[in-house]
Amino acid sequence: MKAELNIGSPAPDFTLRSKPVGGDVQMVKLSENFGKRPTVLFFVPLAFTPVCTKTFCAVSKENHWDEFRKMGAAVYGISVDSPFTLEAWAKDQGITFPLLSDFNREVAPQYGVLAEDFKGFQQVCWRSVFVINSQGKIAHMWKAPAEDGNQYPDMDGVRKALEEEMAATA
């Protein structure tokens, strides 16, 4: 893990591939949200693994995605899997928010979440969440602790950061 971001740091911009279920590969550029709405980025190690699946299914099926969207946020999941693997995972598990492929491992290092070794897997994303405000700055970040990389993301922290963003832009 390289970069060290802090609350208030500019969010590193990126363009990643996404493949919606049954759709064509699309390019998603983070900065297209700047000046418009906040963004939530959920990084996970790998598709089709138990904790990652439970995390993304919770975002999709426990109404977090709908709640965060109603708060004006764009929500994305990111892993090092290919866009085609992510499409199959979304279809298989009913994941309803866009999944972005950092297959070339360009974005995770910018956010300081590329794990050199995670339970024997090399160069995968460390489980983490970033809320980026509409000005493109880090408003909230959470990383699973080193001693328990399987910990689930802090949804209350995400919600609070989005509420603060809504209040600041109201």
N, C-alpha and C. Protein backbone atom coordinates (compact mmCIF):
# COMPACT_ATOMS: atom_id res chain seq x y z
N MET A 1 0.86 -1.17 0.00
CA MET A 1 0.00 0.00 0.00
C MET A 1 0.90 1.23 0.00
N LYS A 2 0.68 2.15 -0.93
CA LYS A 2 1.60 3.28 -1.10
C LYS A 2 1.06 4.59 -0.57
N ALA A 3 0.10 5.15 -1.25
CA ALA A 3 -0.36 6.51 -0.95
C ALA A 3 -0.92 6.62 0.46
N GLU A 4 -0.77 7.80 1.03
CA GLU A 4 -1.36 8.08 2.33
C GLU A 4 -2.30 9.25 2.17
N LEU A 5 -3.58 8.96 2.15
CA LEU A 5 -4.60 10.00 2.02
C LEU A 5 -5.14 10.33 3.40
N ASN A 6 -5.61 11.54 3.55
CA ASN A 6 -6.21 12.00 4.80
C ASN A 6 -7.54 12.66 4.49
N ILE A 7 -8.34 12.87 5.53
CA ILE A 7 -9.57 13.62 5.36
C ILE A 7 -9.19 15.01 4.83
N GLY A 8 -9.84 15.44 3.78
CA GLY A 8 -9.54 16.72 3.15
C GLY A 8 -8.58 16.64 1.98
N SER A 9 -7.90 15.49 1.83
CA SER A 9 -7.00 15.31 0.67
C SER A 9 -7.81 15.26 -0.61
N PRO A 10 -7.26 15.78 -1.71
CA PRO A 10 -7.93 15.59 -3.00
C PRO A 10 -8.00 14.10 -3.32
N ALA A 11 -9.14 13.66 -3.80
CA ALA A 11 -9.30 12.26 -4.19
C ALA A 11 -8.58 12.04 -5.52
N PRO A 12 -7.73 11.03 -5.59
CA PRO A 12 -7.08 10.74 -6.87
C PRO A 12 -8.13 10.40 -7.93
N ASP A 13 -8.04 11.07 -9.06
CA ASP A 13 -8.99 10.83 -10.15
C ASP A 13 -8.61 9.54 -10.86
N PHE A 14 -9.57 8.91 -11.49
CA PHE A 14 -9.31 7.70 -12.24
C PHE A 14 -10.40 7.48 -13.27
N THR A 15 -10.09 6.62 -14.20
CA THR A 15 -11.07 6.11 -15.16
C THR A 15 -10.93 4.60 -15.15
N LEU A 16 -12.02 3.90 -14.85
CA LEU A 16 -12.01 2.43 -14.80
C LEU A 16 -13.14 1.87 -15.65
N ARG A 17 -12.98 0.60 -16.00
CA ARG A 17 -14.00 -0.10 -16.78
C ARG A 17 -15.07 -0.70 -15.87
N SER A 18 -16.29 -0.67 -16.39
CA SER A 18 -17.43 -1.30 -15.73
C SER A 18 -18.21 -2.05 -16.81
N LYS A 19 -18.78 -3.19 -16.45
CA LYS A 19 -19.61 -3.92 -17.40
C LYS A 19 -20.92 -4.27 -16.72
N PRO A 20 -21.95 -3.45 -16.95
CA PRO A 20 -23.25 -3.74 -16.37
C PRO A 20 -23.76 -5.09 -16.88
N VAL A 21 -24.56 -5.77 -16.08
CA VAL A 21 -25.11 -7.06 -16.46
C VAL A 21 -25.83 -6.91 -17.80
N GLY A 22 -25.38 -7.68 -18.79
CA GLY A 22 -25.99 -7.67 -20.11
C GLY A 22 -25.65 -6.46 -20.97
N GLY A 23 -24.81 -5.57 -20.47
CA GLY A 23 -24.47 -4.36 -21.21
C GLY A 23 -23.06 -4.42 -21.77
N ASP A 24 -22.66 -3.33 -22.37
CA ASP A 24 -21.32 -3.21 -22.93
C ASP A 24 -20.37 -2.62 -21.89
N VAL A 25 -19.08 -2.85 -22.10
CA VAL A 25 -18.08 -2.26 -21.22
C VAL A 25 -18.17 -0.74 -21.34
N GLN A 26 -18.16 -0.08 -20.19
CA GLN A 26 -18.23 1.38 -20.13
C GLN A 26 -17.03 1.89 -19.35
N MET A 27 -16.65 3.12 -19.61
CA MET A 27 -15.59 3.76 -18.85
C MET A 27 -16.25 4.70 -17.84
N VAL A 28 -15.81 4.63 -16.60
CA VAL A 28 -16.34 5.48 -15.53
C VAL A 28 -15.20 6.35 -15.03
N LYS A 29 -15.39 7.66 -15.09
CA LYS A 29 -14.38 8.63 -14.64
C LYS A 29 -14.87 9.28 -13.35
N LEU A 30 -14.10 9.12 -12.29
CA LEU A 30 -14.49 9.64 -10.98
C LEU A 30 -14.80 11.13 -11.03
N SER A 31 -13.95 11.92 -11.66
CA SER A 31 -14.10 13.38 -11.61
C SER A 31 -15.36 13.88 -12.31
N GLU A 32 -16.05 13.03 -13.05
CA GLU A 32 -17.33 13.45 -13.64
C GLU A 32 -18.36 13.74 -12.55
N ASN A 33 -18.12 13.24 -11.33
CA ASN A 33 -19.02 13.52 -10.20
C ASN A 33 -18.63 14.81 -9.47
N PHE A 34 -17.39 15.27 -9.64
CA PHE A 34 -16.93 16.46 -8.92
C PHE A 34 -17.79 17.66 -9.31
N GLY A 35 -18.16 18.45 -8.33
CA GLY A 35 -19.00 19.61 -8.57
C GLY A 35 -20.47 19.26 -8.70
N LYS A 36 -20.80 17.97 -8.68
CA LYS A 36 -22.18 17.53 -8.85
C LYS A 36 -22.73 16.77 -7.65
N ARG A 37 -21.95 15.79 -7.17
CA ARG A 37 -22.45 14.93 -6.10
C ARG A 37 -21.31 14.21 -5.41
N PRO A 38 -21.55 13.75 -4.19
CA PRO A 38 -20.53 12.96 -3.51
C PRO A 38 -20.46 11.55 -4.11
N THR A 39 -19.38 10.87 -3.82
CA THR A 39 -19.15 9.53 -4.34
C THR A 39 -18.69 8.63 -3.21
N VAL A 40 -19.19 7.40 -3.20
CA VAL A 40 -18.76 6.39 -2.24
C VAL A 40 -18.05 5.29 -3.02
N LEU A 41 -16.82 4.98 -2.60
CA LEU A 41 -16.03 3.91 -3.21
C LEU A 41 -15.84 2.79 -2.20
N PHE A 42 -16.31 1.60 -2.53
CA PHE A 42 -16.10 0.41 -1.71
C PHE A 42 -15.05 -0.45 -2.41
N PHE A 43 -13.87 -0.61 -1.80
CA PHE A 43 -12.83 -1.49 -2.34
C PHE A 43 -12.93 -2.84 -1.63
N VAL A 44 -12.86 -3.93 -2.41
CA VAL A 44 -12.84 -5.28 -1.84
C VAL A 44 -11.76 -6.10 -2.54
N PRO A 45 -11.24 -7.14 -1.86
CA PRO A 45 -10.16 -7.93 -2.47
C PRO A 45 -10.55 -8.66 -3.75
N LEU A 46 -11.58 -9.50 -3.71
CA LEU A 46 -11.89 -10.35 -4.85
C LEU A 46 -13.38 -10.68 -4.94
N ALA A 47 -13.86 -10.80 -6.16
CA ALA A 47 -15.24 -11.23 -6.41
C ALA A 47 -15.41 -12.69 -6.00
N PHE A 48 -16.65 -13.04 -5.71
CA PHE A 48 -17.05 -14.42 -5.41
C PHE A 48 -16.44 -14.97 -4.12
N THR A 49 -15.87 -14.13 -3.29
CA THR A 49 -15.37 -14.59 -1.99
C THR A 49 -16.41 -14.25 -0.93
N PRO A 50 -16.47 -15.02 0.16
CA PRO A 50 -17.58 -14.86 1.11
C PRO A 50 -17.74 -13.46 1.70
N VAL A 51 -16.68 -12.87 2.22
CA VAL A 51 -16.82 -11.57 2.89
C VAL A 51 -17.11 -10.47 1.87
N CYS A 52 -16.45 -10.52 0.72
CA CYS A 52 -16.70 -9.52 -0.32
C CYS A 52 -18.13 -9.61 -0.83
N THR A 53 -18.61 -10.83 -1.02
CA THR A 53 -19.98 -11.02 -1.48
C THR A 53 -20.96 -10.50 -0.44
N LYS A 54 -20.71 -10.83 0.83
CA LYS A 54 -21.61 -10.36 1.88
C LYS A 54 -21.60 -8.83 1.95
N THR A 55 -20.44 -8.23 1.80
CA THR A 55 -20.33 -6.76 1.84
C THR A 55 -21.14 -6.13 0.72
N PHE A 56 -20.93 -6.57 -0.52
CA PHE A 56 -21.62 -5.95 -1.65
C PHE A 56 -23.10 -6.30 -1.67
N CYS A 57 -23.46 -7.49 -1.21
CA CYS A 57 -24.89 -7.83 -1.12
C CYS A 57 -25.56 -6.97 -0.05
N ALA A 58 -24.84 -6.67 1.03
CA ALA A 58 -25.40 -5.79 2.06
C ALA A 58 -25.64 -4.40 1.49
N VAL A 59 -24.70 -3.90 0.71
CA VAL A 59 -24.88 -2.58 0.10
C VAL A 59 -26.09 -2.61 -0.83
N SER A 60 -26.23 -3.68 -1.62
CA SER A 60 -27.33 -3.78 -2.58
C SER A 60 -28.67 -4.10 -1.93
N LYS A 61 -28.67 -5.10 -1.05
CA LYS A 61 -29.93 -5.67 -0.59
C LYS A 61 -30.43 -5.13 0.74
N GLU A 62 -29.57 -4.49 1.50
CA GLU A 62 -30.01 -3.90 2.77
C GLU A 62 -30.30 -2.42 2.60
N ASN A 63 -30.53 -2.03 1.37
CA ASN A 63 -30.96 -0.68 1.02
C ASN A 63 -29.92 0.41 1.24
N HIS A 64 -28.67 0.04 1.49
CA HIS A 64 -27.65 1.07 1.63
C HIS A 64 -27.48 1.84 0.32
N TRP A 65 -27.47 1.11 -0.81
CA TRP A 65 -27.30 1.77 -2.10
C TRP A 65 -28.44 2.75 -2.34
N ASP A 66 -29.67 2.31 -2.12
CA ASP A 66 -30.81 3.21 -2.30
C ASP A 66 -30.73 4.41 -1.36
N GLU A 67 -30.36 4.15 -0.11
CA GLU A 67 -30.24 5.23 0.87
C GLU A 67 -29.17 6.23 0.44
N PHE A 68 -28.00 5.72 0.05
CA PHE A 68 -26.91 6.61 -0.35
C PHE A 68 -27.26 7.37 -1.63
N ARG A 69 -27.94 6.72 -2.57
CA ARG A 69 -28.38 7.41 -3.79
C ARG A 69 -29.38 8.51 -3.47
N LYS A 70 -30.30 8.24 -2.54
CA LYS A 70 -31.28 9.27 -2.14
C LYS A 70 -30.59 10.45 -1.48
N MET A 71 -29.40 10.21 -0.93
CA MET A 71 -28.62 11.29 -0.35
C MET A 71 -27.77 11.98 -1.42
N GLY A 72 -27.97 11.60 -2.66
CA GLY A 72 -27.30 12.25 -3.78
C GLY A 72 -25.98 11.64 -4.20
N ALA A 73 -25.60 10.51 -3.63
CA ALA A 73 -24.28 9.95 -3.88
C ALA A 73 -24.26 8.97 -5.05
N ALA A 74 -23.14 8.97 -5.74
CA ALA A 74 -22.81 7.90 -6.68
C ALA A 74 -22.09 6.83 -5.85
N VAL A 75 -22.40 5.56 -6.09
CA VAL A 75 -21.82 4.46 -5.33
C VAL A 75 -21.17 3.48 -6.30
N TYR A 76 -19.91 3.11 -6.01
CA TYR A 76 -19.19 2.16 -6.85
C TYR A 76 -18.46 1.14 -5.98
N GLY A 77 -18.39 -0.08 -6.47
CA GLY A 77 -17.54 -1.11 -5.89
C GLY A 77 -16.32 -1.27 -6.78
N ILE A 78 -15.17 -1.51 -6.17
CA ILE A 78 -13.93 -1.65 -6.94
C ILE A 78 -13.17 -2.88 -6.47
N SER A 79 -12.70 -3.68 -7.42
CA SER A 79 -11.79 -4.78 -7.11
C SER A 79 -10.82 -4.95 -8.28
N VAL A 80 -9.86 -5.86 -8.13
CA VAL A 80 -8.88 -6.09 -9.19
C VAL A 80 -9.36 -7.14 -10.19
N ASP A 81 -10.58 -7.60 -10.05
CA ASP A 81 -11.14 -8.57 -10.99
C ASP A 81 -11.42 -7.91 -12.34
N SER A 82 -11.55 -8.72 -13.38
CA SER A 82 -11.86 -8.20 -14.72
C SER A 82 -13.31 -7.70 -14.75
N PRO A 83 -13.64 -6.83 -15.70
CA PRO A 83 -15.03 -6.37 -15.82
C PRO A 83 -16.00 -7.53 -16.06
N PHE A 84 -15.53 -8.57 -16.73
CA PHE A 84 -16.38 -9.71 -17.06
C PHE A 84 -16.66 -10.56 -15.82
N THR A 85 -15.65 -10.71 -14.97
CA THR A 85 -15.84 -11.41 -13.70
C THR A 85 -16.81 -10.62 -12.82
N LEU A 86 -16.64 -9.31 -12.79
CA LEU A 86 -17.53 -8.47 -11.97
C LEU A 86 -18.96 -8.52 -12.49
N GLU A 87 -19.13 -8.57 -13.80
CA GLU A 87 -20.48 -8.69 -14.37
C GLU A 87 -21.11 -10.02 -13.93
N ALA A 88 -20.35 -11.11 -14.02
CA ALA A 88 -20.88 -12.42 -13.62
C ALA A 88 -21.23 -12.43 -12.13
N TRP A 89 -20.38 -11.81 -11.32
CA TRP A 89 -20.63 -11.74 -9.87
C TRP A 89 -21.89 -10.94 -9.58
N ALA A 90 -22.03 -9.79 -10.24
CA ALA A 90 -23.23 -8.96 -10.04
C ALA A 90 -24.48 -9.73 -10.43
N LYS A 91 -24.42 -10.43 -11.55
CA LYS A 91 -25.58 -11.21 -12.00
C LYS A 91 -25.89 -12.33 -11.03
N ASP A 92 -24.88 -13.06 -10.62
CA ASP A 92 -25.06 -14.21 -9.73
C ASP A 92 -25.59 -13.80 -8.36
N GLN A 93 -25.14 -12.66 -7.84
CA GLN A 93 -25.48 -12.26 -6.48
C GLN A 93 -26.53 -11.15 -6.40
N GLY A 94 -26.98 -10.64 -7.53
CA GLY A 94 -27.97 -9.57 -7.51
C GLY A 94 -27.41 -8.24 -7.02
N ILE A 95 -26.12 -8.01 -7.28
CA ILE A 95 -25.48 -6.75 -6.89
C ILE A 95 -25.97 -5.67 -7.86
N THR A 96 -26.54 -4.61 -7.32
CA THR A 96 -27.25 -3.64 -8.15
C THR A 96 -26.51 -2.33 -8.41
N PHE A 97 -25.37 -2.11 -7.79
CA PHE A 97 -24.65 -0.86 -8.03
C PHE A 97 -23.44 -1.15 -8.93
N PRO A 98 -22.91 -0.14 -9.61
CA PRO A 98 -21.82 -0.37 -10.57
C PRO A 98 -20.55 -0.90 -9.91
N LEU A 99 -19.96 -1.90 -10.55
CA LEU A 99 -18.69 -2.47 -10.10
C LEU A 99 -17.62 -2.08 -11.11
N LEU A 100 -16.50 -1.58 -10.59
CA LEU A 100 -15.41 -1.08 -11.44
C LEU A 100 -14.21 -2.00 -11.32
N SER A 101 -13.57 -2.25 -12.45
CA SER A 101 -12.42 -3.13 -12.51
C SER A 101 -11.11 -2.34 -12.46
N ASP A 102 -10.33 -2.59 -11.41
CA ASP A 102 -8.98 -2.04 -11.31
C ASP A 102 -7.99 -3.16 -11.66
N PHE A 103 -8.27 -3.82 -12.77
CA PHE A 103 -7.52 -5.00 -13.19
C PHE A 103 -6.03 -4.72 -13.32
N ASN A 104 -5.68 -3.53 -13.78
CA ASN A 104 -4.27 -3.17 -13.96
C ASN A 104 -3.64 -2.59 -12.70
N ARG A 105 -4.42 -2.57 -11.63
CA ARG A 105 -3.93 -2.13 -10.32
C ARG A 105 -3.31 -0.73 -10.37
N GLU A 106 -4.06 0.18 -10.97
CA GLU A 106 -3.62 1.57 -11.07
C GLU A 106 -4.26 2.45 -10.01
N VAL A 107 -5.48 2.14 -9.59
CA VAL A 107 -6.22 3.00 -8.67
C VAL A 107 -5.95 2.64 -7.21
N ALA A 108 -5.97 1.37 -6.88
CA ALA A 108 -5.78 0.96 -5.49
C ALA A 108 -4.50 1.55 -4.88
N PRO A 109 -3.36 1.56 -5.58
CA PRO A 109 -2.17 2.18 -4.98
C PRO A 109 -2.34 3.68 -4.73
N GLN A 110 -3.10 4.37 -5.59
CA GLN A 110 -3.32 5.81 -5.40
C GLN A 110 -4.10 6.08 -4.12
N TYR A 111 -4.94 5.12 -3.74
CA TYR A 111 -5.75 5.26 -2.52
C TYR A 111 -5.09 4.57 -1.32
N GLY A 112 -3.92 3.99 -1.55
CA GLY A 112 -3.20 3.34 -0.46
C GLY A 112 -3.84 2.04 -0.01
N VAL A 113 -4.54 1.35 -0.92
CA VAL A 113 -5.26 0.14 -0.52
C VAL A 113 -4.90 -1.08 -1.37
N LEU A 114 -3.73 -1.08 -2.02
CA LEU A 114 -3.29 -2.28 -2.73
C LEU A 114 -2.46 -3.11 -1.76
N ALA A 115 -3.00 -4.24 -1.36
CA ALA A 115 -2.32 -5.11 -0.40
C ALA A 115 -1.30 -5.97 -1.14
N GLU A 116 -0.06 -5.92 -0.67
CA GLU A 116 0.97 -6.77 -1.27
C GLU A 116 0.64 -8.24 -1.03
N ASP A 117 0.09 -8.53 0.16
CA ASP A 117 -0.30 -9.90 0.50
C ASP A 117 -1.52 -9.84 1.40
N PHE A 118 -2.61 -10.42 0.96
CA PHE A 118 -3.83 -10.51 1.76
C PHE A 118 -4.22 -11.97 1.83
N LYS A 119 -3.88 -12.60 2.94
CA LYS A 119 -4.21 -14.01 3.16
C LYS A 119 -3.70 -14.90 2.03
N GLY A 120 -2.50 -14.59 1.55
CA GLY A 120 -1.89 -15.39 0.50
C GLY A 120 -2.18 -14.92 -0.91
N PHE A 121 -3.07 -13.96 -1.06
CA PHE A 121 -3.36 -13.39 -2.38
C PHE A 121 -2.50 -12.14 -2.56
N GLN A 122 -1.81 -12.08 -3.68
CA GLN A 122 -0.91 -10.96 -3.95
C GLN A 122 -1.62 -9.87 -4.74
N GLN A 123 -1.34 -8.61 -4.37
CA GLN A 123 -1.78 -7.46 -5.16
C GLN A 123 -3.30 -7.40 -5.33
N VAL A 124 -4.03 -7.47 -4.23
CA VAL A 124 -5.49 -7.28 -4.26
C VAL A 124 -5.83 -6.05 -3.43
N CYS A 125 -7.03 -5.55 -3.61
CA CYS A 125 -7.47 -4.37 -2.85
C CYS A 125 -7.69 -4.74 -1.38
N TRP A 126 -7.28 -3.84 -0.51
CA TRP A 126 -7.58 -3.97 0.92
C TRP A 126 -9.01 -3.49 1.13
N ARG A 127 -9.78 -4.21 1.93
CA ARG A 127 -11.18 -3.84 2.17
C ARG A 127 -11.21 -2.44 2.79
N SER A 128 -11.88 -1.52 2.08
CA SER A 128 -11.89 -0.12 2.52
C SER A 128 -13.04 0.64 1.87
N VAL A 129 -13.33 1.80 2.44
CA VAL A 129 -14.40 2.66 1.92
C VAL A 129 -13.89 4.10 1.95
N PHE A 130 -14.20 4.84 0.88
CA PHE A 130 -13.90 6.26 0.81
C PHE A 130 -15.16 7.01 0.42
N VAL A 131 -15.46 8.07 1.14
CA VAL A 131 -16.52 8.99 0.73
C VAL A 131 -15.81 10.24 0.23
N ILE A 132 -16.13 10.62 -0.99
CA ILE A 132 -15.53 11.79 -1.62
C ILE A 132 -16.62 12.83 -1.76
N ASN A 133 -16.37 14.03 -1.23
CA ASN A 133 -17.42 15.05 -1.30
C ASN A 133 -17.55 15.59 -2.72
N SER A 134 -18.54 16.42 -2.93
CA SER A 134 -18.80 16.92 -4.28
C SER A 134 -17.69 17.83 -4.80
N GLN A 135 -16.79 18.28 -3.92
CA GLN A 135 -15.65 19.08 -4.35
C GLN A 135 -14.44 18.21 -4.68
N GLY A 136 -14.60 16.89 -4.59
CA GLY A 136 -13.52 15.98 -4.94
C GLY A 136 -12.51 15.74 -3.84
N LYS A 137 -12.90 15.99 -2.59
CA LYS A 137 -11.98 15.77 -1.45
C LYS A 137 -12.48 14.61 -0.59
N ILE A 138 -11.53 13.92 0.03
CA ILE A 138 -11.87 12.80 0.91
C ILE A 138 -12.62 13.33 2.13
N ALA A 139 -13.84 12.86 2.33
CA ALA A 139 -14.66 13.30 3.47
C ALA A 139 -14.71 12.24 4.57
N HIS A 140 -14.50 10.99 4.20
CA HIS A 140 -14.52 9.88 5.16
C HIS A 140 -13.73 8.74 4.55
N MET A 141 -13.00 8.04 5.39
CA MET A 141 -12.34 6.83 4.91
C MET A 141 -12.27 5.81 6.03
N TRP A 142 -12.38 4.58 5.64
CA TRP A 142 -12.33 3.45 6.57
C TRP A 142 -11.54 2.35 5.90
N LYS A 143 -10.62 1.76 6.63
CA LYS A 143 -9.87 0.60 6.13
C LYS A 143 -9.97 -0.49 7.18
N ALA A 144 -10.21 -1.71 6.72
CA ALA A 144 -10.26 -2.83 7.65
C ALA A 144 -8.93 -2.90 8.39
N PRO A 145 -8.98 -3.15 9.69
CA PRO A 145 -7.74 -3.22 10.46
C PRO A 145 -6.86 -4.38 9.99
N ALA A 146 -5.55 -4.19 10.08
CA ALA A 146 -4.60 -5.21 9.62
C ALA A 146 -4.82 -6.55 10.31
N GLU A 147 -5.22 -6.51 11.57
CA GLU A 147 -5.41 -7.76 12.31
C GLU A 147 -6.72 -8.47 11.94
N ASP A 148 -7.61 -7.78 11.23
CA ASP A 148 -8.88 -8.39 10.83
C ASP A 148 -9.33 -7.80 9.49
N GLY A 149 -8.67 -8.23 8.42
CA GLY A 149 -9.00 -7.73 7.10
C GLY A 149 -10.37 -8.14 6.61
N ASN A 150 -11.04 -9.03 7.35
CA ASN A 150 -12.38 -9.47 6.97
C ASN A 150 -13.48 -8.64 7.62
N GLN A 151 -13.13 -7.60 8.33
CA GLN A 151 -14.14 -6.77 8.99
C GLN A 151 -15.00 -6.07 7.94
N TYR A 152 -16.28 -5.88 8.28
CA TYR A 152 -17.21 -5.24 7.35
C TYR A 152 -17.08 -3.72 7.41
N PRO A 153 -17.37 -3.05 6.29
CA PRO A 153 -17.26 -1.59 6.24
C PRO A 153 -18.17 -0.88 7.23
N ASP A 154 -17.74 0.30 7.60
CA ASP A 154 -18.46 1.17 8.53
C ASP A 154 -19.54 1.95 7.79
N MET A 155 -20.73 1.37 7.69
CA MET A 155 -21.82 2.03 6.96
C MET A 155 -22.31 3.28 7.69
N ASP A 156 -22.24 3.28 9.02
CA ASP A 156 -22.66 4.47 9.78
C ASP A 156 -21.75 5.66 9.47
N GLY A 157 -20.45 5.40 9.32
CA GLY A 157 -19.52 6.47 8.96
C GLY A 157 -19.80 7.02 7.57
N VAL A 158 -20.15 6.13 6.64
CA VAL A 158 -20.51 6.57 5.29
C VAL A 158 -21.75 7.45 5.36
N ARG A 159 -22.76 6.97 6.07
CA ARG A 159 -24.02 7.72 6.20
C ARG A 159 -23.77 9.10 6.80
N LYS A 160 -22.97 9.16 7.87
CA LYS A 160 -22.69 10.43 8.54
C LYS A 160 -21.97 11.40 7.60
N ALA A 161 -20.99 10.90 6.86
CA ALA A 161 -20.26 11.77 5.92
C ALA A 161 -21.18 12.31 4.84
N LEU A 162 -22.10 11.48 4.36
CA LEU A 162 -23.05 11.94 3.34
C LEU A 162 -24.03 12.95 3.92
N GLU A 163 -24.46 12.73 5.16
CA GLU A 163 -25.36 13.70 5.82
C GLU A 163 -24.66 15.05 5.97
N GLU A 164 -23.38 15.02 6.36
CA GLU A 164 -22.62 16.26 6.50
C GLU A 164 -22.47 16.96 5.15
N GLU A 165 -22.26 16.19 4.10
CA GLU A 165 -22.15 16.77 2.76
C GLU A 165 -23.48 17.40 2.35
N MET A 166 -24.59 16.73 2.64
CA MET A 166 -25.91 17.28 2.31
C MET A 166 -26.13 18.59 3.04
N ALA A 167 -25.75 18.63 4.33
CA ALA A 167 -25.94 19.85 5.12
C ALA A 167 -25.06 20.99 4.59
N ALA A 168 -23.84 20.65 4.18
CA ALA A 168 -22.90 21.68 3.69
C ALA A 168 -23.32 22.26 2.35
N THR A 169 -24.02 21.48 1.55
CA THR A 169 -24.40 21.95 0.22
C THR A 169 -25.85 22.40 0.15
N ALA A 170 -26.56 22.35 1.29
CA ALA A 170 -27.98 22.75 1.29
C ALA A 170 -28.14 24.26 1.25
